[in-house]
Amino acid sequence: MRFLDHLVKEGRAEQHSFNGYPNRYTVPAGNFVPFIIDGPPVEDLGPNKGFNTRVTIHRDKLLTLPANHVLTIDVWDQS
């Protein structure tokens, strides 16, 4: 997801793997939750906007996370 790459460039997240899948990131909840709480950013869908992308957002759980709680994010493609 592009917004995660931007967070890495800003020093607000770390990328740990990127040579194939999954791409693994760690990021404090306070830096991640605002981007994902209402679904993935539309600009991140890129050429896949027309594909059936399945995303489940558990808003109630995300909103309870302390801002400094570190999340591990694994990003996979659908191929």
PDB file of N, CA and C in Angstrom:
ATOM      1  N   MET A   1       0.840  -1.180   0.000  1.00  0.00           N
ATOM      2  CA  MET A   1       0.000   0.000   0.000  1.00  0.00           C
ATOM      3  C   MET A   1       0.881   1.237   0.000  1.00  0.00           C
ATOM      4  N   ARG A   2       0.545   2.118  -0.878  1.00  0.00           N
ATOM      5  CA  ARG A   2       1.379   3.309  -1.049  1.00  0.00           C
ATOM      6  C   ARG A   2       1.474   4.164   0.207  1.00  0.00           C
ATOM      7  N   PHE A   3       0.386   4.287   0.956  1.00  0.00           N
ATOM      8  CA  PHE A   3       0.454   5.148   2.130  1.00  0.00           C
ATOM      9  C   PHE A   3       1.453   4.611   3.152  1.00  0.00           C
ATOM     10  N   LEU A   4       1.644   3.295   3.219  1.00  0.00           N
ATOM     11  CA  LEU A   4       2.659   2.739   4.110  1.00  0.00           C
ATOM     12  C   LEU A   4       4.055   3.133   3.653  1.00  0.00           C
ATOM     13  N   ASP A   5       4.287   3.132   2.345  1.00  0.00           N
ATOM     14  CA  ASP A   5       5.584   3.570   1.825  1.00  0.00           C
ATOM     15  C   ASP A   5       5.849   5.026   2.176  1.00  0.00           C
ATOM     16  N   HIS A   6       4.813   5.856   2.134  1.00  0.00           N
ATOM     17  CA  HIS A   6       4.963   7.260   2.521  1.00  0.00           C
ATOM     18  C   HIS A   6       5.300   7.380   4.012  1.00  0.00           C
ATOM     19  N   LEU A   7       4.640   6.570   4.838  1.00  0.00           N
ATOM     20  CA  LEU A   7       4.937   6.598   6.269  1.00  0.00           C
ATOM     21  C   LEU A   7       6.381   6.183   6.540  1.00  0.00           C
ATOM     22  N   VAL A   8       6.893   5.215   5.776  1.00  0.00           N
ATOM     23  CA  VAL A   8       8.288   4.789   5.918  1.00  0.00           C
ATOM     24  C   VAL A   8       9.213   5.954   5.567  1.00  0.00           C
ATOM     25  N   LYS A   9       8.947   6.627   4.447  1.00  0.00           N
ATOM     26  CA  LYS A   9       9.788   7.757   4.027  1.00  0.00           C
ATOM     27  C   LYS A   9       9.785   8.875   5.057  1.00  0.00           C
ATOM     28  N   GLU A  10       8.656   9.043   5.750  1.00  0.00           N
ATOM     29  CA  GLU A  10       8.537  10.079   6.780  1.00  0.00           C
ATOM     30  C   GLU A  10       9.109   9.628   8.117  1.00  0.00           C
ATOM     31  N   GLY A  11       9.551   8.371   8.223  1.00  0.00           N
ATOM     32  CA  GLY A  11      10.079   7.859   9.484  1.00  0.00           C
ATOM     33  C   GLY A  11       9.008   7.484  10.484  1.00  0.00           C
ATOM     34  N   ARG A  12       7.772   7.328  10.036  1.00  0.00           N
ATOM     35  CA  ARG A  12       6.658   7.004  10.926  1.00  0.00           C
ATOM     36  C   ARG A  12       6.295   5.526  10.904  1.00  0.00           C
ATOM     37  N   ALA A  13       7.016   4.735  10.089  1.00  0.00           N
ATOM     38  CA  ALA A  13       6.818   3.288   9.990  1.00  0.00           C
ATOM     39  C   ALA A  13       8.137   2.689   9.522  1.00  0.00           C
ATOM     40  N   GLU A  14       8.266   1.379   9.666  1.00  0.00           N
ATOM     41  CA  GLU A  14       9.455   0.675   9.190  1.00  0.00           C
ATOM     42  C   GLU A  14       9.019  -0.454   8.263  1.00  0.00           C
ATOM     43  N   GLN A  15       9.794  -0.651   7.186  1.00  0.00           N
ATOM     44  CA  GLN A  15       9.544  -1.775   6.291  1.00  0.00           C
ATOM     45  C   GLN A  15      10.612  -2.815   6.557  1.00  0.00           C
ATOM     46  N   HIS A  16      10.197  -4.064   6.779  1.00  0.00           N
ATOM     47  CA  HIS A  16      11.125  -5.124   7.162  1.00  0.00           C
ATOM     48  C   HIS A  16      11.381  -6.131   6.047  1.00  0.00           C
ATOM     49  N   SER A  17      10.433  -6.319   5.154  1.00  0.00           N
ATOM     50  CA  SER A  17      10.653  -7.216   4.019  1.00  0.00           C
ATOM     51  C   SER A  17       9.955  -6.629   2.803  1.00  0.00           C
ATOM     52  N   PHE A  18      10.560  -6.859   1.645  1.00  0.00           N
ATOM     53  CA  PHE A  18      10.012  -6.274   0.435  1.00  0.00           C
ATOM     54  C   PHE A  18      10.468  -7.015  -0.819  1.00  0.00           C
ATOM     55  N   ASN A  19      11.087  -8.160  -0.669  1.00  0.00           N
ATOM     56  CA  ASN A  19      11.567  -8.947  -1.808  1.00  0.00           C
ATOM     57  C   ASN A  19      10.582 -10.057  -2.121  1.00  0.00           C
ATOM     58  N   GLY A  20       9.423  -9.707  -2.557  1.00  0.00           N
ATOM     59  CA  GLY A  20       8.364 -10.678  -2.769  1.00  0.00           C
ATOM     60  C   GLY A  20       7.295 -10.479  -1.721  1.00  0.00           C
ATOM     61  N   TYR A  21       6.468 -11.482  -1.539  1.00  0.00           N
ATOM     62  CA  TYR A  21       5.349 -11.312  -0.615  1.00  0.00           C
ATOM     63  C   TYR A  21       5.502 -12.216   0.578  1.00  0.00           C
ATOM     64  N   PRO A  22       5.093 -11.775   1.752  1.00  0.00           N
ATOM     65  CA  PRO A  22       4.437 -10.494   1.969  1.00  0.00           C
ATOM     66  C   PRO A  22       5.456  -9.368   2.118  1.00  0.00           C
ATOM     67  N   ASN A  23       4.974  -8.143   1.939  1.00  0.00           N
ATOM     68  CA  ASN A  23       5.736  -6.967   2.347  1.00  0.00           C
ATOM     69  C   ASN A  23       5.362  -6.729   3.798  1.00  0.00           C
ATOM     70  N   ARG A  24       6.331  -6.644   4.678  1.00  0.00           N
ATOM     71  CA  ARG A  24       6.051  -6.519   6.110  1.00  0.00           C
ATOM     72  C   ARG A  24       6.490  -5.158   6.618  1.00  0.00           C
ATOM     73  N   TYR A  25       5.594  -4.531   7.385  1.00  0.00           N
ATOM     74  CA  TYR A  25       5.833  -3.226   7.985  1.00  0.00           C
ATOM     75  C   TYR A  25       5.519  -3.299   9.479  1.00  0.00           C
ATOM     76  N   THR A  26       6.139  -2.436  10.252  1.00  0.00           N
ATOM     77  CA  THR A  26       5.681  -2.171  11.615  1.00  0.00           C
ATOM     78  C   THR A  26       5.408  -0.679  11.702  1.00  0.00           C
ATOM     79  N   VAL A  27       4.340  -0.364  12.410  1.00  0.00           N
ATOM     80  CA  VAL A  27       3.912   1.034  12.489  1.00  0.00           C
ATOM     81  C   VAL A  27       3.084   1.232  13.759  1.00  0.00           C
ATOM     82  N   PRO A  28       3.312   2.332  14.488  1.00  0.00           N
ATOM     83  CA  PRO A  28       2.461   2.618  15.639  1.00  0.00           C
ATOM     84  C   PRO A  28       1.013   2.834  15.190  1.00  0.00           C
ATOM     85  N   ALA A  29       0.083   2.359  15.997  1.00  0.00           N
ATOM     86  CA  ALA A  29      -1.338   2.473  15.657  1.00  0.00           C
ATOM     87  C   ALA A  29      -1.737   3.916  15.367  1.00  0.00           C
ATOM     88  N   GLY A  30      -1.173   4.865  16.084  1.00  0.00           N
ATOM     89  CA  GLY A  30      -1.512   6.274  15.873  1.00  0.00           C
ATOM     90  C   GLY A  30      -1.133   6.784  14.492  1.00  0.00           C
ATOM     91  N   ASN A  31      -0.177   6.139  13.846  1.00  0.00           N
ATOM     92  CA  ASN A  31       0.212   6.522  12.490  1.00  0.00           C
ATOM     93  C   ASN A  31      -0.559   5.747  11.431  1.00  0.00           C
ATOM     94  N   PHE A  32      -1.113   4.601  11.795  1.00  0.00           N
ATOM     95  CA  PHE A  32      -1.768   3.715  10.830  1.00  0.00           C
ATOM     96  C   PHE A  32      -3.286   3.845  10.817  1.00  0.00           C
ATOM     97  N   VAL A  33      -3.884   3.844  11.986  1.00  0.00           N
ATOM     98  CA  VAL A  33      -5.349   3.800  12.098  1.00  0.00           C
ATOM     99  C   VAL A  33      -6.036   4.935  11.328  1.00  0.00           C
ATOM    100  N   PRO A  34      -5.554   6.184  11.380  1.00  0.00           N
ATOM    101  CA  PRO A  34      -6.255   7.234  10.635  1.00  0.00           C
ATOM    102  C   PRO A  34      -6.351   6.973   9.131  1.00  0.00           C
ATOM    103  N   PHE A  35      -5.403   6.244   8.565  1.00  0.00           N
ATOM    104  CA  PHE A  35      -5.425   5.960   7.135  1.00  0.00           C
ATOM    105  C   PHE A  35      -6.383   4.831   6.774  1.00  0.00           C
ATOM    106  N   ILE A  36      -6.596   3.889   7.672  1.00  0.00           N
ATOM    107  CA  ILE A  36      -7.315   2.661   7.327  1.00  0.00           C
ATOM    108  C   ILE A  36      -8.710   2.572   7.948  1.00  0.00           C
ATOM    109  N   ILE A  37      -9.027   3.425   8.897  1.00  0.00           N
ATOM    110  CA  ILE A  37     -10.256   3.288   9.683  1.00  0.00           C
ATOM    111  C   ILE A  37     -11.522   3.283   8.819  1.00  0.00           C
ATOM    112  N   ASP A  38     -11.528   4.018   7.717  1.00  0.00           N
ATOM    113  CA  ASP A  38     -12.704   4.065   6.846  1.00  0.00           C
ATOM    114  C   ASP A  38     -12.507   3.271   5.557  1.00  0.00           C
ATOM    115  N   GLY A  39     -11.536   2.341   5.567  1.00  0.00           N
ATOM    116  CA  GLY A  39     -11.243   1.532   4.394  1.00  0.00           C
ATOM    117  C   GLY A  39      -9.933   1.971   3.771  1.00  0.00           C
ATOM    118  N   PRO A  40      -9.390   1.176   2.868  1.00  0.00           N
ATOM    119  CA  PRO A  40      -8.108   1.525   2.271  1.00  0.00           C
ATOM    120  C   PRO A  40      -8.217   2.814   1.463  1.00  0.00           C
ATOM    121  N   PRO A  41      -7.174   3.639   1.492  1.00  0.00           N
ATOM    122  CA  PRO A  41      -7.205   4.865   0.690  1.00  0.00           C
ATOM    123  C   PRO A  41      -7.450   4.528  -0.784  1.00  0.00           C
ATOM    124  N   VAL A  42      -8.379   5.229  -1.418  1.00  0.00           N
ATOM    125  CA  VAL A  42      -8.751   4.958  -2.802  1.00  0.00           C
ATOM    126  C   VAL A  42      -7.548   5.066  -3.722  1.00  0.00           C
ATOM    127  N   GLU A  43      -6.665   6.025  -3.484  1.00  0.00           N
ATOM    128  CA  GLU A  43      -5.494   6.187  -4.352  1.00  0.00           C
ATOM    129  C   GLU A  43      -4.571   4.980  -4.287  1.00  0.00           C
ATOM    130  N   ASP A  44      -4.654   4.188  -3.248  1.00  0.00           N
ATOM    131  CA  ASP A  44      -3.823   2.993  -3.134  1.00  0.00           C
ATOM    132  C   ASP A  44      -4.341   1.838  -3.977  1.00  0.00           C
ATOM    133  N   LEU A  45      -5.569   1.919  -4.455  1.00  0.00           N
ATOM    134  CA  LEU A  45      -6.115   0.833  -5.255  1.00  0.00           C
ATOM    135  C   LEU A  45      -5.520   0.821  -6.652  1.00  0.00           C
ATOM    136  N   GLY A  46      -5.019   1.970  -7.127  1.00  0.00           N
ATOM    137  CA  GLY A  46      -4.323   2.057  -8.405  1.00  0.00           C
ATOM    138  C   GLY A  46      -5.088   1.365  -9.515  1.00  0.00           C
ATOM    139  N   PRO A  47      -4.380   0.580 -10.348  1.00  0.00           N
ATOM    140  CA  PRO A  47      -5.040  -0.067 -11.474  1.00  0.00           C
ATOM    141  C   PRO A  47      -6.014  -1.164 -11.058  1.00  0.00           C
ATOM    142  N   ASN A  48      -6.044  -1.535  -9.791  1.00  0.00           N
ATOM    143  CA  ASN A  48      -6.925  -2.618  -9.325  1.00  0.00           C
ATOM    144  C   ASN A  48      -8.295  -2.116  -8.881  1.00  0.00           C
ATOM    145  N   LYS A  49      -8.615  -0.849  -9.156  1.00  0.00           N
ATOM    146  CA  LYS A  49      -9.894  -0.286  -8.705  1.00  0.00           C
ATOM    147  C   LYS A  49     -11.084  -1.100  -9.175  1.00  0.00           C
ATOM    148  N   GLY A  50     -10.978  -1.720 -10.343  1.00  0.00           N
ATOM    149  CA  GLY A  50     -12.092  -2.472 -10.878  1.00  0.00           C
ATOM    150  C   GLY A  50     -12.147  -3.909 -10.387  1.00  0.00           C
ATOM    151  N   PHE A  51     -11.138  -4.370  -9.693  1.00  0.00           N
ATOM    152  CA  PHE A  51     -11.107  -5.744  -9.212  1.00  0.00           C
ATOM    153  C   PHE A  51     -11.876  -5.859  -7.905  1.00  0.00           C
ATOM    154  N   ASN A  52     -12.324  -7.055  -7.601  1.00  0.00           N
ATOM    155  CA  ASN A  52     -13.025  -7.313  -6.352  1.00  0.00           C
ATOM    156  C   ASN A  52     -11.991  -7.473  -5.244  1.00  0.00           C
ATOM    157  N   THR A  53     -11.779  -6.414  -4.481  1.00  0.00           N
ATOM    158  CA  THR A  53     -10.805  -6.432  -3.396  1.00  0.00           C
ATOM    159  C   THR A  53     -11.551  -6.601  -2.084  1.00  0.00           C
ATOM    160  N   ARG A  54     -11.170  -7.600  -1.317  1.00  0.00           N
ATOM    161  CA  ARG A  54     -11.841  -7.886  -0.053  1.00  0.00           C
ATOM    162  C   ARG A  54     -11.026  -7.306   1.096  1.00  0.00           C
ATOM    163  N   VAL A  55     -11.634  -6.392   1.829  1.00  0.00           N
ATOM    164  CA  VAL A  55     -10.987  -5.772   2.978  1.00  0.00           C
ATOM    165  C   VAL A  55     -11.979  -5.790   4.125  1.00  0.00           C
ATOM    166  N   THR A  56     -11.542  -6.270   5.274  1.00  0.00           N
ATOM    167  CA  THR A  56     -12.374  -6.245   6.473  1.00  0.00           C
ATOM    168  C   THR A  56     -11.736  -5.297   7.472  1.00  0.00           C
ATOM    169  N   ILE A  57     -12.468  -4.299   7.899  1.00  0.00           N
ATOM    170  CA  ILE A  57     -11.988  -3.323   8.868  1.00  0.00           C
ATOM    171  C   ILE A  57     -12.793  -3.508  10.152  1.00  0.00           C
ATOM    172  N   HIS A  58     -12.107  -3.774  11.235  1.00  0.00           N
ATOM    173  CA  HIS A  58     -12.756  -3.904  12.548  1.00  0.00           C
ATOM    174  C   HIS A  58     -12.579  -2.576  13.278  1.00  0.00           C
ATOM    175  N   ARG A  59     -13.441  -1.603  12.925  1.00  0.00           N
ATOM    176  CA  ARG A  59     -13.318  -0.244  13.459  1.00  0.00           C
ATOM    177  C   ARG A  59     -13.322  -0.226  14.992  1.00  0.00           C
ATOM    178  N   ASP A  60     -14.220  -0.982  15.605  1.00  0.00           N
ATOM    179  CA  ASP A  60     -14.331  -0.965  17.059  1.00  0.00           C
ATOM    180  C   ASP A  60     -13.030  -1.396  17.724  1.00  0.00           C
ATOM    181  N   LYS A  61     -12.347  -2.364  17.145  1.00  0.00           N
ATOM    182  CA  LYS A  61     -11.082  -2.834  17.713  1.00  0.00           C
ATOM    183  C   LYS A  61      -9.954  -1.836  17.441  1.00  0.00           C
ATOM    184  N   LEU A  62      -9.919  -1.290  16.234  1.00  0.00           N
ATOM    185  CA  LEU A  62      -8.863  -0.321  15.904  1.00  0.00           C
ATOM    186  C   LEU A  62      -8.941   0.918  16.785  1.00  0.00           C
ATOM    187  N   LEU A  63     -10.149   1.365  17.055  1.00  0.00           N
ATOM    188  CA  LEU A  63     -10.318   2.580  17.844  1.00  0.00           C
ATOM    189  C   LEU A  63      -9.910   2.413  19.305  1.00  0.00           C
ATOM    190  N   THR A  64      -9.775   1.178  19.781  1.00  0.00           N
ATOM    191  CA  THR A  64      -9.373   0.959  21.173  1.00  0.00           C
ATOM    192  C   THR A  64      -7.851   0.878  21.337  1.00  0.00           C
ATOM    193  N   LEU A  65      -7.122   0.828  20.230  1.00  0.00           N
ATOM    194  CA  LEU A  65      -5.662   0.677  20.324  1.00  0.00           C
ATOM    195  C   LEU A  65      -5.005   1.961  20.812  1.00  0.00           C
ATOM    196  N   PRO A  66      -4.077   1.850  21.771  1.00  0.00           N
ATOM    197  CA  PRO A  66      -3.295   3.029  22.151  1.00  0.00           C
ATOM    198  C   PRO A  66      -2.449   3.479  20.959  1.00  0.00           C
ATOM    199  N   ALA A  67      -2.237   4.770  20.830  1.00  0.00           N
ATOM    200  CA  ALA A  67      -1.494   5.327  19.691  1.00  0.00           C
ATOM    201  C   ALA A  67      -0.087   4.749  19.584  1.00  0.00           C
ATOM    202  N   ASN A  68       0.524   4.361  20.700  1.00  0.00           N
ATOM    203  CA  ASN A  68       1.902   3.856  20.667  1.00  0.00           C
ATOM    204  C   ASN A  68       1.984   2.338  20.507  1.00  0.00           C
ATOM    205  N   HIS A  69       0.844   1.666  20.378  1.00  0.00           N
ATOM    206  CA  HIS A  69       0.825   0.214  20.166  1.00  0.00           C
ATOM    207  C   HIS A  69       1.372  -0.087  18.770  1.00  0.00           C
ATOM    208  N   VAL A  70       2.418  -0.900  18.684  1.00  0.00           N
ATOM    209  CA  VAL A  70       3.051  -1.182  17.396  1.00  0.00           C
ATOM    210  C   VAL A  70       2.346  -2.354  16.710  1.00  0.00           C
ATOM    211  N   LEU A  71       1.931  -2.120  15.481  1.00  0.00           N
ATOM    212  CA  LEU A  71       1.257  -3.123  14.660  1.00  0.00           C
ATOM    213  C   LEU A  71       2.228  -3.692  13.637  1.00  0.00           C
ATOM    214  N   THR A  72       2.068  -4.964  13.311  1.00  0.00           N
ATOM    215  CA  THR A  72       2.786  -5.582  12.207  1.00  0.00           C
ATOM    216  C   THR A  72       1.795  -5.733  11.073  1.00  0.00           C
ATOM    217  N   ILE A  73       2.132  -5.179   9.922  1.00  0.00           N
ATOM    218  CA  ILE A  73       1.249  -5.178   8.751  1.00  0.00           C
ATOM    219  C   ILE A  73       1.908  -6.013   7.672  1.00  0.00           C
ATOM    220  N   ASP A  74       1.248  -7.074   7.216  1.00  0.00           N
ATOM    221  CA  ASP A  74       1.707  -7.880   6.090  1.00  0.00           C
ATOM    222  C   ASP A  74       0.818  -7.556   4.900  1.00  0.00           C
ATOM    223  N   VAL A  75       1.438  -7.173   3.784  1.00  0.00           N
ATOM    224  CA  VAL A  75       0.708  -6.806   2.574  1.00  0.00           C
ATOM    225  C   VAL A  75       0.954  -7.862   1.513  1.00  0.00           C
ATOM    226  N   TRP A  76      -0.126  -8.456   1.011  1.00  0.00           N
ATOM    227  CA  TRP A  76      -0.079  -9.493  -0.012  1.00  0.00           C
ATOM    228  C   TRP A  76      -0.799  -8.999  -1.255  1.00  0.00           C
ATOM    229  N   ASP A  77      -0.451  -9.536  -2.401  1.00  0.00           N
ATOM    230  CA  ASP A  77      -1.257  -9.278  -3.585  1.00  0.00           C
ATOM    231  C   ASP A  77      -2.147 -10.491  -3.812  1.00  0.00           C
ATOM    232  N   GLN A  78      -2.997 -10.406  -4.819  1.00  0.00           N
ATOM    233  CA  GLN A  78      -3.957 -11.483  -5.044  1.00  0.00           C
ATOM    234  C   GLN A  78      -3.537 -12.442  -6.147  1.00  0.00           C
ATOM    235  N   SER A  79      -2.291 -12.363  -6.574  1.00  0.00           N
ATOM    236  CA  SER A  79      -1.876 -13.262  -7.662  1.00  0.00           C
ATOM    237  C   SER A  79      -1.550 -14.644  -7.161  1.00  0.00           C
TER     238      SER A  79
END
